[in-house]
């Protein structure tokens, strides 16, 4: 018996409602904010890594 349920494009991503519904829009907004925060944290980590690597290569150390 065929199912009337349509699978989302990403089967591992839960859907809160049908496409375009307020719940689906809320899910999209939350996912966008989480992704933005992850990118911000990753950028800070890369900056710190770059500073640490630069210091390790160019620091003459104790004289």
Protein backbone atom coordinates (compact mmCIF):
# COMPACT_ATOMS: atom_id res chain seq x y z
CA UNK A 1 0.00 0.00 0.00
CA UNK A 2 1.62 3.29 -1.08
CA UNK A 3 2.13 5.94 1.54
CA UNK A 4 0.64 9.40 1.10
CA UNK A 5 3.48 10.80 3.20
CA UNK A 6 6.13 12.60 1.15
CA UNK A 7 9.72 12.22 2.27
CA UNK A 8 11.78 15.37 2.83
CA UNK A 9 14.81 15.91 0.61
CA UNK A 10 17.06 15.07 3.56
CA UNK A 11 15.58 12.05 5.31
CA UNK A 12 17.57 12.73 8.49
CA UNK A 13 16.15 16.24 8.90
CA UNK A 14 12.85 16.18 10.79
CA UNK A 15 10.12 18.37 9.37
CA UNK A 16 7.81 20.22 11.73
CA UNK A 17 5.13 20.87 9.18
CA UNK A 18 4.32 20.96 5.51
CA UNK A 19 6.45 23.20 3.26
CA UNK A 20 5.59 26.85 3.75
CA UNK A 21 3.83 26.30 7.09
CA UNK A 22 4.70 28.50 10.09
CA UNK A 23 6.36 25.53 11.78
CA UNK A 24 8.49 24.77 8.73
CA UNK A 25 9.48 28.45 8.47
CA UNK A 26 10.43 28.46 12.17
CA UNK A 27 12.54 25.34 11.64
CA UNK A 28 14.32 26.98 8.71
CA UNK A 29 15.03 30.13 10.72
CA UNK A 30 16.38 28.15 13.68
CA UNK A 31 18.60 26.08 11.36
CA UNK A 32 19.87 29.28 9.70
CA UNK A 33 20.75 30.82 13.08
CA UNK A 34 22.53 27.66 14.24
CA UNK A 35 24.54 27.48 11.01
CA UNK A 36 25.46 31.16 11.31
CA UNK A 37 26.67 30.65 14.90
CA UNK A 38 28.69 27.57 13.91
CA UNK A 39 30.38 29.55 11.14
CA UNK A 40 31.18 32.38 13.58
CA UNK A 41 32.73 29.98 16.10
CA UNK A 42 34.69 28.18 13.37
CA UNK A 43 36.02 31.50 12.08
CA UNK A 44 37.20 32.48 15.58
CA UNK A 45 38.89 29.08 15.99
CA UNK A 46 40.69 29.49 12.66
CA UNK A 47 41.85 32.99 13.63
CA UNK A 48 43.19 31.65 16.92
CA UNK A 49 44.93 28.77 15.13
CA UNK A 50 46.52 31.21 12.69
CA UNK A 51 47.75 33.47 15.51
CA UNK A 52 49.15 30.51 17.44
CA UNK A 53 50.90 29.08 14.37
CA UNK A 54 52.37 32.48 13.46
CA UNK A 55 53.64 32.97 17.02
CA UNK A 56 55.20 29.49 17.11
CA UNK A 57 57.06 30.04 13.83
CA UNK A 58 58.16 33.65 14.38
CA UNK A 59 58.70 33.84 18.15
CA UNK A 60 62.47 33.92 18.75
CA UNK A 61 61.93 32.53 22.23
CA UNK A 62 63.95 33.40 25.35
CA UNK A 63 67.31 34.98 24.67
